[in-house]
PDB file of N, CA and C in Angstrom:
ATOM      1  N   UNK A   1     -48.806 -56.071 -14.478  1.00  0.00           N
ATOM      2  CA  UNK A   1     -48.685 -54.996 -15.440  1.00  0.00           C
ATOM      3  C   UNK A   1     -48.891 -53.664 -14.723  1.00  0.00           C
ATOM      4  N   UNK A   2     -48.062 -52.707 -15.023  1.00  0.00           N
ATOM      5  CA  UNK A   2     -48.136 -51.392 -14.397  1.00  0.00           C
ATOM      6  C   UNK A   2     -49.323 -50.608 -14.957  1.00  0.00           C
ATOM      7  N   UNK A   3     -49.954 -49.835 -14.095  1.00  0.00           N
ATOM      8  CA  UNK A   3     -51.088 -49.002 -14.493  1.00  0.00           C
ATOM      9  C   UNK A   3     -50.622 -47.572 -14.699  1.00  0.00           C
ATOM     10  N   UNK A   4     -51.270 -46.880 -15.614  1.00  0.00           N
ATOM     11  CA  UNK A   4     -51.026 -45.447 -15.797  1.00  0.00           C
ATOM     12  C   UNK A   4     -52.282 -44.725 -15.348  1.00  0.00           C
ATOM     13  N   UNK A   5     -52.098 -43.809 -14.410  1.00  0.00           N
ATOM     14  CA  UNK A   5     -53.210 -43.020 -13.897  1.00  0.00           C
ATOM     15  C   UNK A   5     -52.908 -41.548 -14.158  1.00  0.00           C
ATOM     16  N   UNK A   6     -53.914 -40.717 -14.036  1.00  0.00           N
ATOM     17  CA  UNK A   6     -53.748 -39.284 -14.300  1.00  0.00           C
ATOM     18  C   UNK A   6     -54.176 -38.481 -13.080  1.00  0.00           C
ATOM     19  N   UNK A   7     -53.380 -37.490 -12.763  1.00  0.00           N
ATOM     20  CA  UNK A   7     -53.662 -36.622 -11.621  1.00  0.00           C
ATOM     21  C   UNK A   7     -54.857 -35.722 -11.925  1.00  0.00           C
ATOM     22  N   UNK A   8     -55.592 -35.438 -10.881  1.00  0.00           N
ATOM     23  CA  UNK A   8     -56.676 -34.463 -10.955  1.00  0.00           C
ATOM     24  C   UNK A   8     -56.153 -33.141 -10.389  1.00  0.00           C
ATOM     25  N   UNK A   9     -56.956 -32.113 -10.481  1.00  0.00           N
ATOM     26  CA  UNK A   9     -56.552 -30.810  -9.965  1.00  0.00           C
ATOM     27  C   UNK A   9     -56.195 -30.908  -8.488  1.00  0.00           C
ATOM     28  N   UNK A  10     -55.079 -30.329  -8.114  1.00  0.00           N
ATOM     29  CA  UNK A  10     -54.598 -30.245  -6.732  1.00  0.00           C
ATOM     30  C   UNK A  10     -54.218 -31.589  -6.111  1.00  0.00           C
ATOM     31  N   UNK A  11     -53.911 -32.597  -6.925  1.00  0.00           N
ATOM     32  CA  UNK A  11     -53.458 -33.885  -6.402  1.00  0.00           C
ATOM     33  C   UNK A  11     -52.009 -33.801  -5.968  1.00  0.00           C
ATOM     34  N   UNK A  12     -51.716 -34.452  -4.842  1.00  0.00           N
ATOM     35  CA  UNK A  12     -50.338 -34.713  -4.460  1.00  0.00           C
ATOM     36  C   UNK A  12     -50.054 -36.153  -4.851  1.00  0.00           C
ATOM     37  N   UNK A  13     -48.782 -36.514  -4.979  1.00  0.00           N
ATOM     38  CA  UNK A  13     -48.450 -37.869  -5.394  1.00  0.00           C
ATOM     39  C   UNK A  13     -48.915 -38.896  -4.370  1.00  0.00           C
ATOM     40  N   UNK A  14     -48.686 -38.631  -3.093  1.00  0.00           N
ATOM     41  CA  UNK A  14     -49.121 -39.606  -2.094  1.00  0.00           C
ATOM     42  C   UNK A  14     -50.641 -39.723  -2.040  1.00  0.00           C
ATOM     43  N   UNK A  15     -51.343 -38.625  -2.229  1.00  0.00           N
ATOM     44  CA  UNK A  15     -52.809 -38.676  -2.276  1.00  0.00           C
ATOM     45  C   UNK A  15     -53.318 -39.433  -3.488  1.00  0.00           C
ATOM     46  N   UNK A  16     -52.646 -39.257  -4.611  1.00  0.00           N
ATOM     47  CA  UNK A  16     -53.031 -39.934  -5.848  1.00  0.00           C
ATOM     48  C   UNK A  16     -52.850 -41.441  -5.738  1.00  0.00           C
ATOM     49  N   UNK A  17     -51.696 -41.882  -5.229  1.00  0.00           N
ATOM     50  CA  UNK A  17     -51.472 -43.324  -5.148  1.00  0.00           C
ATOM     51  C   UNK A  17     -52.342 -43.961  -4.065  1.00  0.00           C
ATOM     52  N   UNK A  18     -52.710 -43.197  -3.035  1.00  0.00           N
ATOM     53  CA  UNK A  18     -53.627 -43.736  -2.034  1.00  0.00           C
ATOM     54  C   UNK A  18     -55.025 -43.908  -2.633  1.00  0.00           C
ATOM     55  N   UNK A  19     -55.494 -42.903  -3.359  1.00  0.00           N
ATOM     56  CA  UNK A  19     -56.835 -42.960  -3.943  1.00  0.00           C
ATOM     57  C   UNK A  19     -56.963 -44.079  -4.972  1.00  0.00           C
ATOM     58  N   UNK A  20     -55.942 -44.257  -5.784  1.00  0.00           N
ATOM     59  CA  UNK A  20     -56.034 -45.218  -6.880  1.00  0.00           C
ATOM     60  C   UNK A  20     -55.732 -46.655  -6.463  1.00  0.00           C
ATOM     61  N   UNK A  21     -54.803 -46.860  -5.545  1.00  0.00           N
ATOM     62  CA  UNK A  21     -54.378 -48.229  -5.208  1.00  0.00           C
ATOM     63  C   UNK A  21     -54.280 -48.511  -3.724  1.00  0.00           C
ATOM     64  N   UNK A  22     -54.617 -47.545  -2.885  1.00  0.00           N
ATOM     65  CA  UNK A  22     -54.466 -47.684  -1.441  1.00  0.00           C
ATOM     66  C   UNK A  22     -53.011 -47.962  -1.056  1.00  0.00           C
ATOM     67  N   UNK A  23     -52.093 -47.335  -1.771  1.00  0.00           N
ATOM     68  CA  UNK A  23     -50.671 -47.451  -1.456  1.00  0.00           C
ATOM     69  C   UNK A  23     -50.299 -46.322  -0.522  1.00  0.00           C
ATOM     70  N   UNK A  24     -49.495 -46.618   0.481  1.00  0.00           N
ATOM     71  CA  UNK A  24     -49.104 -45.582   1.428  1.00  0.00           C
ATOM     72  C   UNK A  24     -47.789 -44.927   1.005  1.00  0.00           C
ATOM     73  N   UNK A  25     -47.328 -43.993   1.816  1.00  0.00           N
ATOM     74  CA  UNK A  25     -46.133 -43.216   1.480  1.00  0.00           C
ATOM     75  C   UNK A  25     -44.872 -44.068   1.388  1.00  0.00           C
ATOM     76  N   UNK A  26     -44.874 -45.253   1.966  1.00  0.00           N
ATOM     77  CA  UNK A  26     -43.714 -46.142   1.867  1.00  0.00           C
ATOM     78  C   UNK A  26     -43.477 -46.600   0.427  1.00  0.00           C
ATOM     79  N   UNK A  27     -44.486 -46.473  -0.416  1.00  0.00           N
ATOM     80  CA  UNK A  27     -44.374 -46.881  -1.819  1.00  0.00           C
ATOM     81  C   UNK A  27     -43.904 -45.749  -2.735  1.00  0.00           C
ATOM     82  N   UNK A  28     -43.742 -44.546  -2.194  1.00  0.00           N
ATOM     83  CA  UNK A  28     -43.326 -43.410  -3.023  1.00  0.00           C
ATOM     84  C   UNK A  28     -41.996 -43.637  -3.740  1.00  0.00           C
ATOM     85  N   UNK A  29     -40.967 -44.197  -3.099  1.00  0.00           N
ATOM     86  CA  UNK A  29     -39.714 -44.414  -3.829  1.00  0.00           C
ATOM     87  C   UNK A  29     -39.888 -45.306  -5.061  1.00  0.00           C
ATOM     88  N   UNK A  30     -40.727 -46.325  -4.963  1.00  0.00           N
ATOM     89  CA  UNK A  30     -40.965 -47.205  -6.113  1.00  0.00           C
ATOM     90  C   UNK A  30     -41.693 -46.467  -7.228  1.00  0.00           C
ATOM     91  N   UNK A  31     -42.643 -45.616  -6.856  1.00  0.00           N
ATOM     92  CA  UNK A  31     -43.385 -44.840  -7.853  1.00  0.00           C
ATOM     93  C   UNK A  31     -42.457 -43.830  -8.530  1.00  0.00           C
ATOM     94  N   UNK A  32     -41.630 -43.160  -7.741  1.00  0.00           N
ATOM     95  CA  UNK A  32     -40.702 -42.183  -8.310  1.00  0.00           C
ATOM     96  C   UNK A  32     -39.645 -42.854  -9.196  1.00  0.00           C
ATOM     97  N   UNK A  33     -39.281 -44.093  -8.867  1.00  0.00           N
ATOM     98  CA  UNK A  33     -38.273 -44.808  -9.664  1.00  0.00           C
ATOM     99  C   UNK A  33     -38.765 -45.096 -11.078  1.00  0.00           C
ATOM    100  N   UNK A  34     -40.056 -45.350 -11.237  1.00  0.00           N
ATOM    101  CA  UNK A  34     -40.578 -45.648 -12.574  1.00  0.00           C
ATOM    102  C   UNK A  34     -41.116 -44.407 -13.284  1.00  0.00           C
ATOM    103  N   UNK A  35     -41.036 -43.250 -12.616  1.00  0.00           N
ATOM    104  CA  UNK A  35     -41.486 -41.980 -13.193  1.00  0.00           C
ATOM    105  C   UNK A  35     -40.391 -40.931 -13.088  1.00  0.00           C
ATOM    106  N   UNK A  36     -39.317 -41.057 -13.876  1.00  0.00           N
ATOM    107  CA  UNK A  36     -38.238 -40.069 -13.784  1.00  0.00           C
ATOM    108  C   UNK A  36     -38.753 -38.665 -14.108  1.00  0.00           C
ATOM    109  N   UNK A  37     -38.332 -37.710 -13.300  1.00  0.00           N
ATOM    110  CA  UNK A  37     -38.735 -36.322 -13.515  1.00  0.00           C
ATOM    111  C   UNK A  37     -40.017 -35.928 -12.809  1.00  0.00           C
ATOM    112  N   UNK A  38     -40.706 -36.881 -12.228  1.00  0.00           N
ATOM    113  CA  UNK A  38     -41.976 -36.584 -11.567  1.00  0.00           C
ATOM    114  C   UNK A  38     -41.777 -35.697 -10.342  1.00  0.00           C
ATOM    115  N   UNK A  39     -40.712 -35.931  -9.598  1.00  0.00           N
ATOM    116  CA  UNK A  39     -40.447 -35.138  -8.391  1.00  0.00           C
ATOM    117  C   UNK A  39     -40.174 -33.672  -8.732  1.00  0.00           C
ATOM    118  N   UNK A  40     -39.677 -33.419  -9.922  1.00  0.00           N
ATOM    119  CA  UNK A  40     -39.369 -32.048 -10.321  1.00  0.00           C
ATOM    120  C   UNK A  40     -40.633 -31.219 -10.575  1.00  0.00           C
ATOM    121  N   UNK A  41     -41.783 -31.861 -10.650  1.00  0.00           N
ATOM    122  CA  UNK A  41     -43.032 -31.132 -10.898  1.00  0.00           C
ATOM    123  C   UNK A  41     -43.551 -30.424  -9.655  1.00  0.00           C
ATOM    124  N   UNK A  42     -43.024 -30.779  -8.494  1.00  0.00           N
ATOM    125  CA  UNK A  42     -43.433 -30.122  -7.267  1.00  0.00           C
ATOM    126  C   UNK A  42     -44.397 -30.951  -6.453  1.00  0.00           C
ATOM    127  N   UNK A  43     -44.830 -30.386  -5.329  1.00  0.00           N
ATOM    128  CA  UNK A  43     -45.692 -31.114  -4.393  1.00  0.00           C
ATOM    129  C   UNK A  43     -47.095 -31.339  -4.958  1.00  0.00           C
ATOM    130  N   UNK A  44     -47.619 -30.362  -5.678  1.00  0.00           N
ATOM    131  CA  UNK A  44     -48.936 -30.472  -6.297  1.00  0.00           C
ATOM    132  C   UNK A  44     -48.734 -30.799  -7.771  1.00  0.00           C
ATOM    133  N   UNK A  45     -49.253 -31.935  -8.195  1.00  0.00           N
ATOM    134  CA  UNK A  45     -49.086 -32.354  -9.585  1.00  0.00           C
ATOM    135  C   UNK A  45     -49.993 -31.541 -10.508  1.00  0.00           C
ATOM    136  N   UNK A  46     -49.494 -31.171 -11.666  1.00  0.00           N
ATOM    137  CA  UNK A  46     -50.363 -30.495 -12.627  1.00  0.00           C
ATOM    138  C   UNK A  46     -51.516 -31.402 -13.053  1.00  0.00           C
ATOM    139  N   UNK A  47     -52.672 -30.810 -13.293  1.00  0.00           N
ATOM    140  CA  UNK A  47     -53.853 -31.557 -13.712  1.00  0.00           C
ATOM    141  C   UNK A  47     -53.550 -32.352 -14.981  1.00  0.00           C
ATOM    142  N   UNK A  48     -53.872 -33.643 -14.960  1.00  0.00           N
ATOM    143  CA  UNK A  48     -53.662 -34.493 -16.126  1.00  0.00           C
ATOM    144  C   UNK A  48     -52.308 -35.161 -16.204  1.00  0.00           C
ATOM    145  N   UNK A  49     -51.446 -34.942 -15.220  1.00  0.00           N
ATOM    146  CA  UNK A  49     -50.124 -35.566 -15.226  1.00  0.00           C
ATOM    147  C   UNK A  49     -50.262 -37.086 -15.202  1.00  0.00           C
ATOM    148  N   UNK A  50     -49.607 -37.763 -16.148  1.00  0.00           N
ATOM    149  CA  UNK A  50     -49.638 -39.224 -16.194  1.00  0.00           C
ATOM    150  C   UNK A  50     -48.620 -39.778 -15.206  1.00  0.00           C
ATOM    151  N   UNK A  51     -49.061 -40.733 -14.394  1.00  0.00           N
ATOM    152  CA  UNK A  51     -48.209 -41.370 -13.394  1.00  0.00           C
ATOM    153  C   UNK A  51     -48.315 -42.877 -13.592  1.00  0.00           C
ATOM    154  N   UNK A  52     -47.169 -43.517 -13.755  1.00  0.00           N
ATOM    155  CA  UNK A  52     -47.136 -44.967 -13.877  1.00  0.00           C
ATOM    156  C   UNK A  52     -46.984 -45.565 -12.487  1.00  0.00           C
ATOM    157  N   UNK A  53     -47.881 -46.485 -12.149  1.00  0.00           N
ATOM    158  CA  UNK A  53     -47.816 -47.166 -10.866  1.00  0.00           C
ATOM    159  C   UNK A  53     -47.161 -48.522 -11.067  1.00  0.00           C
ATOM    160  N   UNK A  54     -46.098 -48.801 -10.318  1.00  0.00           N
ATOM    161  CA  UNK A  54     -45.434 -50.097 -10.461  1.00  0.00           C
ATOM    162  C   UNK A  54     -46.295 -51.212  -9.883  1.00  0.00           C
ATOM    163  N   UNK A  55     -45.964 -52.424 -10.255  1.00  0.00           N
ATOM    164  CA  UNK A  55     -46.668 -53.576  -9.690  1.00  0.00           C
ATOM    165  C   UNK A  55     -46.198 -53.781  -8.259  1.00  0.00           C
ATOM    166  N   UNK A  56     -47.048 -53.446  -7.308  1.00  0.00           N
ATOM    167  CA  UNK A  56     -46.748 -53.617  -5.891  1.00  0.00           C
ATOM    168  C   UNK A  56     -47.990 -54.130  -5.198  1.00  0.00           C
ATOM    169  N   UNK A  57     -47.800 -54.706  -4.044  1.00  0.00           N
ATOM    170  CA  UNK A  57     -48.940 -55.164  -3.253  1.00  0.00           C
ATOM    171  C   UNK A  57     -49.578 -53.958  -2.575  1.00  0.00           C
ATOM    172  N   UNK A  58     -50.902 -53.929  -2.485  1.00  0.00           N
ATOM    173  CA  UNK A  58     -51.547 -52.814  -1.792  1.00  0.00           C
ATOM    174  C   UNK A  58     -51.229 -52.821  -0.303  1.00  0.00           C
ATOM    175  N   UNK A  59     -51.351 -51.677   0.300  1.00  0.00           N
ATOM    176  CA  UNK A  59     -51.113 -51.562   1.743  1.00  0.00           C
ATOM    177  C   UNK A  59     -52.115 -52.437   2.488  1.00  0.00           C
ATOM    178  N   UNK A  60     -51.678 -53.011   3.540  1.00  0.00           N
ATOM    179  CA  UNK A  60     -52.544 -53.890   4.320  1.00  0.00           C
ATOM    180  C   UNK A  60     -53.637 -53.077   4.992  1.00  0.00           C
ATOM    181  N   UNK A  61     -54.848 -53.570   4.916  1.00  0.00           N
ATOM    182  CA  UNK A  61     -55.959 -52.906   5.589  1.00  0.00           C
ATOM    183  C   UNK A  61     -56.338 -53.641   6.866  1.00  0.00           C
ATOM    184  N   UNK A  62     -55.599 -54.705   7.194  1.00  0.00           N
ATOM    185  CA  UNK A  62     -55.864 -55.480   8.396  1.00  0.00           C
ATOM    186  C   UNK A  62     -55.091 -54.862   9.558  1.00  0.00           C
ATOM    187  N   UNK A  63     -55.784 -54.642  10.646  1.00  0.00           N
ATOM    188  CA  UNK A  63     -55.140 -54.086  11.830  1.00  0.00           C
ATOM    189  C   UNK A  63     -55.219 -55.084  12.968  1.00  0.00           C
ATOM    190  N   UNK A  64     -54.224 -55.086  13.806  1.00  0.00           N
ATOM    191  CA  UNK A  64     -54.259 -55.937  14.989  1.00  0.00           C
ATOM    192  C   UNK A  64     -55.305 -55.391  15.944  1.00  0.00           C
ATOM    193  N   UNK A  65     -56.038 -56.311  16.521  1.00  0.00           N
ATOM    194  CA  UNK A  65     -57.055 -55.921  17.479  1.00  0.00           C
ATOM    195  C   UNK A  65     -56.512 -56.169  18.891  1.00  0.00           C
ATOM    196  N   UNK A  66     -56.593 -55.139  19.688  1.00  0.00           N
ATOM    197  CA  UNK A  66     -56.161 -55.253  21.076  1.00  0.00           C
ATOM    198  C   UNK A  66     -57.412 -55.308  21.923  1.00  0.00           C
ATOM    199  N   UNK A  67     -57.527 -56.366  22.707  1.00  0.00           N
ATOM    200  CA  UNK A  67     -58.674 -56.502  23.571  1.00  0.00           C
ATOM    201  C   UNK A  67     -58.235 -56.240  25.014  1.00  0.00           C
ATOM    202  N   UNK A  68     -59.074 -55.602  25.735  1.00  0.00           N
ATOM    203  CA  UNK A  68     -58.755 -55.176  27.076  1.00  0.00           C
ATOM    204  C   UNK A  68     -58.422 -56.348  28.002  1.00  0.00           C
ATOM    205  N   UNK A  69     -59.054 -57.491  27.804  1.00  0.00           N
ATOM    206  CA  UNK A  69     -58.869 -58.598  28.723  1.00  0.00           C
ATOM    207  C   UNK A  69     -57.946 -59.695  28.209  1.00  0.00           C
ATOM    208  N   UNK A  70     -57.117 -59.423  27.245  1.00  0.00           N
ATOM    209  CA  UNK A  70     -56.159 -60.430  26.747  1.00  0.00           C
ATOM    210  C   UNK A  70     -54.938 -60.511  27.627  1.00  0.00           C
TER     211      UNK A  70
END
């Protein structure tokens, strides 16, 4: 089920989706697809703007570990 979140003062869309779901900028097209007209609001979202987040997997927080002696 998609979540609806609200922007705070001075939120950018990528900052908002990172804070709420740990989604990175690669997910912006999916977010914009379910929020027609959102891009027209500009880089800084107005306070209280409702944003629907699509059902997507969160960004991976696992990083490859490089060891010096491998």
